Amino acid sequence: MTVEERLQRLEDDRAIRDLKARYLRGCDTQNPDMVAGTLLAEVVVAYEGFPPFDSRDAFIAIYRKFGCQPGIHDIHHAANGIITFDDATRATGQWSLLFHQVNLGARTLTQFGVEYDDVYVKRDGRWWIAETRTTRKSCLVESVAPDGTISVVAMGSGADMPT
């Protein structure tokens, strides 16, 4: 690789990491427009335990309906990102995610350990998420009684959790 190619690879790596961060931040702040701005129109979204989607509009419509509700507070903490480039316009990414949700209406606390497998493509000079898939590794759902008592509703690995 030339110095210019190496520099471009570093810039592309950073752009993909920022893209993933914008996606997660958009989810956490209940900002569907920010989330949509990271996804190709024909994105494939296949999150274990959820119905699959083959378009940005279909995914965003469901996200608006269920993920952007008062009293639902999410945090997506992604780490251990590994980006691999297939060529100058296609890359894959793997991420470990700790997801935590406080649902005030349902009085539940939910925590997932998740592995993301993403495909990124560069179009019109910028990177997009073309595919995003998850596998659940762990799950903990707790119920909070009005007196503050916490009880476990569900606990297990991703493989033994109901969908």
C-alpha atoms as a PDB file:
ATOM      1  CA  MET A   1       0.000   0.000   0.000  1.00  0.00           C
ATOM      2  CA  THR A   2       1.132   3.486  -0.727  1.00  0.00           C
ATOM      3  CA  VAL A   3       1.224   6.127   1.975  1.00  0.00           C
ATOM      4  CA  GLU A   4      -1.845   7.742   0.397  1.00  0.00           C
ATOM      5  CA  GLU A   5      -3.720   4.421   0.417  1.00  0.00           C
ATOM      6  CA  ARG A   6      -2.756   3.798   4.032  1.00  0.00           C
ATOM      7  CA  LEU A   7      -3.931   7.290   5.005  1.00  0.00           C
ATOM      8  CA  GLN A   8      -7.234   6.748   3.181  1.00  0.00           C
ATOM      9  CA  ARG A   9      -7.669   3.402   4.979  1.00  0.00           C
ATOM     10  CA  LEU A  10      -7.170   5.130   8.352  1.00  0.00           C
ATOM     11  CA  GLU A  11      -9.666   7.845   7.425  1.00  0.00           C
ATOM     12  CA  ASP A  12     -12.182   5.224   6.275  1.00  0.00           C
ATOM     13  CA  ASP A  13     -11.712   3.210   9.467  1.00  0.00           C
ATOM     14  CA  ARG A  14     -12.410   6.328  11.529  1.00  0.00           C
ATOM     15  CA  ALA A  15     -15.439   7.198   9.393  1.00  0.00           C
ATOM     16  CA  ILE A  16     -16.928   3.729   9.948  1.00  0.00           C
ATOM     17  CA  ARG A  17     -16.352   3.920  13.702  1.00  0.00           C
ATOM     18  CA  ASP A  18     -18.043   7.333  13.765  1.00  0.00           C
ATOM     19  CA  LEU A  19     -20.904   5.936  11.644  1.00  0.00           C
ATOM     20  CA  LYS A  20     -21.533   3.148  14.146  1.00  0.00           C
ATOM     21  CA  ALA A  21     -21.352   5.630  17.026  1.00  0.00           C
ATOM     22  CA  ARG A  22     -23.944   7.882  15.311  1.00  0.00           C
ATOM     23  CA  TYR A  23     -26.243   4.887  14.826  1.00  0.00           C
ATOM     24  CA  LEU A  24     -25.996   3.902  18.508  1.00  0.00           C
ATOM     25  CA  ARG A  25     -26.300   7.488  19.734  1.00  0.00           C
ATOM     26  CA  GLY A  26     -29.370   7.953  17.545  1.00  0.00           C
ATOM     27  CA  CYS A  27     -30.921   4.881  19.166  1.00  0.00           C
ATOM     28  CA  ASP A  28     -30.089   6.118  22.667  1.00  0.00           C
ATOM     29  CA  THR A  29     -31.478   9.598  22.068  1.00  0.00           C
ATOM     30  CA  GLN A  30     -34.609   8.304  20.302  1.00  0.00           C
ATOM     31  CA  ASN A  31     -33.637  10.168  17.147  1.00  0.00           C
ATOM     32  CA  PRO A  32     -34.952   8.129  14.186  1.00  0.00           C
ATOM     33  CA  ASP A  33     -33.689  10.681  11.663  1.00  0.00           C
ATOM     34  CA  MET A  34     -30.130  10.249  12.963  1.00  0.00           C
ATOM     35  CA  VAL A  35     -30.501   6.462  12.800  1.00  0.00           C
ATOM     36  CA  ALA A  36     -31.916   6.660   9.264  1.00  0.00           C
ATOM     37  CA  GLY A  37     -28.973   8.831   8.212  1.00  0.00           C
ATOM     38  CA  THR A  38     -26.602   5.918   8.873  1.00  0.00           C
ATOM     39  CA  LEU A  39     -28.479   3.242   6.893  1.00  0.00           C
ATOM     40  CA  LEU A  40     -28.645   2.511   3.184  1.00  0.00           C
ATOM     41  CA  ALA A  41     -32.174   2.638   1.775  1.00  0.00           C
ATOM     42  CA  GLU A  42     -31.931  -1.106   1.079  1.00  0.00           C
ATOM     43  CA  VAL A  43     -30.299  -2.000   4.413  1.00  0.00           C
ATOM     44  CA  VAL A  44     -30.680  -5.507   5.823  1.00  0.00           C
ATOM     45  CA  VAL A  45     -31.422  -5.488   9.550  1.00  0.00           C
ATOM     46  CA  ALA A  46     -31.465  -8.921  11.214  1.00  0.00           C
ATOM     47  CA  TYR A  47     -31.420  -8.608  14.997  1.00  0.00           C
ATOM     48  CA  GLU A  48     -31.884 -11.908  16.801  1.00  0.00           C
ATOM     49  CA  GLY A  49     -35.257 -12.028  18.532  1.00  0.00           C
ATOM     50  CA  PHE A  50     -36.783  -9.369  16.249  1.00  0.00           C
ATOM     51  CA  PRO A  51     -38.369  -9.587  12.798  1.00  0.00           C
ATOM     52  CA  PRO A  52     -35.930  -8.989   9.914  1.00  0.00           C
ATOM     53  CA  PHE A  53     -36.087  -5.871   7.755  1.00  0.00           C
ATOM     54  CA  ASP A  54     -34.905  -5.274   4.188  1.00  0.00           C
ATOM     55  CA  SER A  55     -35.303  -1.529   3.990  1.00  0.00           C
ATOM     56  CA  ARG A  56     -34.449   1.548   6.012  1.00  0.00           C
ATOM     57  CA  ASP A  57     -38.033   2.825   5.882  1.00  0.00           C
ATOM     58  CA  ALA A  58     -39.509  -0.406   7.287  1.00  0.00           C
ATOM     59  CA  PHE A  59     -36.958  -0.540  10.105  1.00  0.00           C
ATOM     60  CA  ILE A  60     -37.345   3.143  11.000  1.00  0.00           C
ATOM     61  CA  ALA A  61     -41.154   2.868  11.052  1.00  0.00           C
ATOM     62  CA  ILE A  62     -41.003   0.081  13.661  1.00  0.00           C
ATOM     63  CA  TYR A  63     -38.247   1.884  15.568  1.00  0.00           C
ATOM     64  CA  ARG A  64     -40.401   5.055  15.753  1.00  0.00           C
ATOM     65  CA  LYS A  65     -43.394   3.044  16.980  1.00  0.00           C
ATOM     66  CA  PHE A  66     -41.684   0.941  19.658  1.00  0.00           C
ATOM     67  CA  GLY A  67     -38.277   2.458  20.399  1.00  0.00           C
ATOM     68  CA  CYS A  68     -39.213   6.113  20.656  1.00  0.00           C
ATOM     69  CA  GLN A  69     -41.651   6.052  23.527  1.00  0.00           C
ATOM     70  CA  PRO A  70     -41.735   8.183  26.669  1.00  0.00           C
ATOM     71  CA  GLY A  71     -40.458   6.313  29.686  1.00  0.00           C
ATOM     72  CA  ILE A  72     -38.085   4.095  27.705  1.00  0.00           C
ATOM     73  CA  HIS A  73     -34.427   4.878  28.294  1.00  0.00           C
ATOM     74  CA  ASP A  74     -31.768   2.929  26.396  1.00  0.00           C
ATOM     75  CA  ILE A  75     -28.003   2.837  26.408  1.00  0.00           C
ATOM     76  CA  HIS A  76     -26.057   1.025  23.704  1.00  0.00           C
ATOM     77  CA  HIS A  77     -22.418   0.673  24.740  1.00  0.00           C
ATOM     78  CA  ALA A  78     -20.405  -0.831  21.877  1.00  0.00           C
ATOM     79  CA  ALA A  79     -16.772  -1.808  22.212  1.00  0.00           C
ATOM     80  CA  ASN A  80     -14.122  -4.098  20.785  1.00  0.00           C
ATOM     81  CA  GLY A  81     -14.784  -2.929  17.225  1.00  0.00           C
ATOM     82  CA  ILE A  82     -12.852  -4.769  14.534  1.00  0.00           C
ATOM     83  CA  ILE A  83     -13.078  -3.315  11.023  1.00  0.00           C
ATOM     84  CA  THR A  84     -11.888  -5.376   8.051  1.00  0.00           C
ATOM     85  CA  PHE A  85     -11.730  -3.896   4.556  1.00  0.00           C
ATOM     86  CA  ASP A  86     -12.668  -6.023   1.546  1.00  0.00           C
ATOM     87  CA  ASP A  87     -11.745  -3.176  -0.794  1.00  0.00           C
ATOM     88  CA  ALA A  88     -11.937   0.617  -0.918  1.00  0.00           C
ATOM     89  CA  THR A  89     -15.756   0.645  -0.850  1.00  0.00           C
ATOM     90  CA  ARG A  90     -16.743  -2.360   1.283  1.00  0.00           C
ATOM     91  CA  ALA A  91     -15.860  -3.319   4.846  1.00  0.00           C
ATOM     92  CA  THR A  92     -17.154  -5.519   7.643  1.00  0.00           C
ATOM     93  CA  GLY A  93     -17.303  -4.789  11.332  1.00  0.00           C
ATOM     94  CA  GLN A  94     -17.709  -6.788  14.495  1.00  0.00           C
ATOM     95  CA  TRP A  95     -18.736  -5.144  17.756  1.00  0.00           C
ATOM     96  CA  SER A  96     -19.580  -6.288  21.260  1.00  0.00           C
ATOM     97  CA  LEU A  97     -22.571  -4.463  22.698  1.00  0.00           C
ATOM     98  CA  LEU A  98     -23.891  -4.044  26.200  1.00  0.00           C
ATOM     99  CA  PHE A  99     -27.499  -2.890  25.925  1.00  0.00           C
ATOM    100  CA  HIS A 100     -29.349  -1.615  28.971  1.00  0.00           C
ATOM    101  CA  GLN A 101     -32.948  -0.412  29.069  1.00  0.00           C
ATOM    102  CA  VAL A 102     -35.049   1.158  31.786  1.00  0.00           C
ATOM    103  CA  ASN A 103     -38.740   0.900  30.912  1.00  0.00           C
ATOM    104  CA  LEU A 104     -40.669   3.026  33.386  1.00  0.00           C
ATOM    105  CA  GLY A 105     -44.109   1.998  32.126  1.00  0.00           C
ATOM    106  CA  ALA A 106     -43.449  -1.734  32.328  1.00  0.00           C
ATOM    107  CA  ARG A 107     -41.240  -1.277  35.419  1.00  0.00           C
ATOM    108  CA  THR A 108     -38.523  -3.439  33.895  1.00  0.00           C
ATOM    109  CA  LEU A 109     -34.762  -3.352  33.591  1.00  0.00           C
ATOM    110  CA  THR A 110     -33.357  -5.220  30.594  1.00  0.00           C
ATOM    111  CA  GLN A 111     -29.751  -6.005  29.817  1.00  0.00           C
ATOM    112  CA  PHE A 112     -28.443  -7.806  26.735  1.00  0.00           C
ATOM    113  CA  GLY A 113     -24.961  -8.865  25.724  1.00  0.00           C
ATOM    114  CA  VAL A 114     -24.934  -8.782  21.927  1.00  0.00           C
ATOM    115  CA  GLU A 115     -22.476  -9.344  19.082  1.00  0.00           C
ATOM    116  CA  TYR A 116     -22.934  -7.195  15.977  1.00  0.00           C
ATOM    117  CA  ASP A 117     -21.803  -8.270  12.510  1.00  0.00           C
ATOM    118  CA  ASP A 118     -22.071  -5.368  10.092  1.00  0.00           C
ATOM    119  CA  VAL A 119     -21.369  -4.692   6.424  1.00  0.00           C
ATOM    120  CA  TYR A 120     -20.468  -1.145   5.394  1.00  0.00           C
ATOM    121  CA  VAL A 121     -20.376   0.306   1.894  1.00  0.00           C
ATOM    122  CA  LYS A 122     -18.996   3.563   0.625  1.00  0.00           C
ATOM    123  CA  ARG A 123     -21.284   5.422  -1.778  1.00  0.00           C
ATOM    124  CA  ASP A 124     -21.178   9.011  -2.929  1.00  0.00           C
ATOM    125  CA  GLY A 125     -18.044   9.636  -0.861  1.00  0.00           C
ATOM    126  CA  ARG A 126     -19.402   8.424   2.495  1.00  0.00           C
ATOM    127  CA  TRP A 127     -19.875   5.205   4.446  1.00  0.00           C
ATOM    128  CA  TRP A 128     -23.260   3.592   5.133  1.00  0.00           C
ATOM    129  CA  ILE A 129     -24.459   0.572   7.076  1.00  0.00           C
ATOM    130  CA  ALA A 130     -25.584  -1.926   4.413  1.00  0.00           C
ATOM    131  CA  GLU A 131     -26.220  -4.892   6.730  1.00  0.00           C
ATOM    132  CA  THR A 132     -26.424  -5.185  10.478  1.00  0.00           C
ATOM    133  CA  ARG A 133     -26.993  -8.480  12.264  1.00  0.00           C
ATOM    134  CA  THR A 134     -26.882  -9.427  15.907  1.00  0.00           C
ATOM    135  CA  THR A 135     -26.517 -12.537  17.991  1.00  0.00           C
ATOM    136  CA  ARG A 136     -27.580 -12.402  21.626  1.00  0.00           C
ATOM    137  CA  LYS A 137     -24.991 -13.756  24.048  1.00  0.00           C
ATOM    138  CA  SER A 138     -26.761 -13.022  27.332  1.00  0.00           C
ATOM    139  CA  CYS A 139     -29.967 -11.590  28.676  1.00  0.00           C
ATOM    140  CA  LEU A 140     -31.250 -10.404  32.023  1.00  0.00           C
ATOM    141  CA  VAL A 141     -34.744  -8.978  32.514  1.00  0.00           C
ATOM    142  CA  GLU A 142     -35.753  -7.738  35.944  1.00  0.00           C
ATOM    143  CA  SER A 143     -39.066  -6.459  37.248  1.00  0.00           C
ATOM    144  CA  VAL A 144     -39.184  -3.600  39.735  1.00  0.00           C
ATOM    145  CA  ALA A 145     -42.131  -3.684  42.134  1.00  0.00           C
ATOM    146  CA  PRO A 146     -43.663  -0.422  43.389  1.00  0.00           C
ATOM    147  CA  ASP A 147     -41.793  -0.883  46.699  1.00  0.00           C
ATOM    148  CA  GLY A 148     -38.479  -1.134  44.802  1.00  0.00           C
ATOM    149  CA  THR A 149     -38.087  -4.886  45.159  1.00  0.00           C
ATOM    150  CA  ILE A 150     -36.359  -6.352  42.128  1.00  0.00           C
ATOM    151  CA  SER A 151     -37.060  -9.836  40.841  1.00  0.00           C
ATOM    152  CA  VAL A 152     -35.583 -11.703  37.889  1.00  0.00           C
ATOM    153  CA  VAL A 153     -38.071 -12.322  35.081  1.00  0.00           C
ATOM    154  CA  ALA A 154     -35.668 -13.946  32.612  1.00  0.00           C
ATOM    155  CA  MET A 155     -31.984 -14.782  32.628  1.00  0.00           C
ATOM    156  CA  GLY A 156     -29.827 -16.782  30.290  1.00  0.00           C
ATOM    157  CA  SER A 157     -27.597 -16.984  27.301  1.00  0.00           C
ATOM    158  CA  GLY A 158     -28.824 -15.776  23.946  1.00  0.00           C
ATOM    159  CA  ALA A 159     -29.462 -19.318  22.745  1.00  0.00           C
ATOM    160  CA  ASP A 160     -31.891 -20.214  25.528  1.00  0.00           C
ATOM    161  CA  MET A 161     -33.897 -16.981  25.591  1.00  0.00           C
ATOM    162  CA  PRO A 162     -37.381 -16.799  24.097  1.00  0.00           C
ATOM    163  CA  THR A 163     -37.760 -14.640  20.991  1.00  0.00           C
END
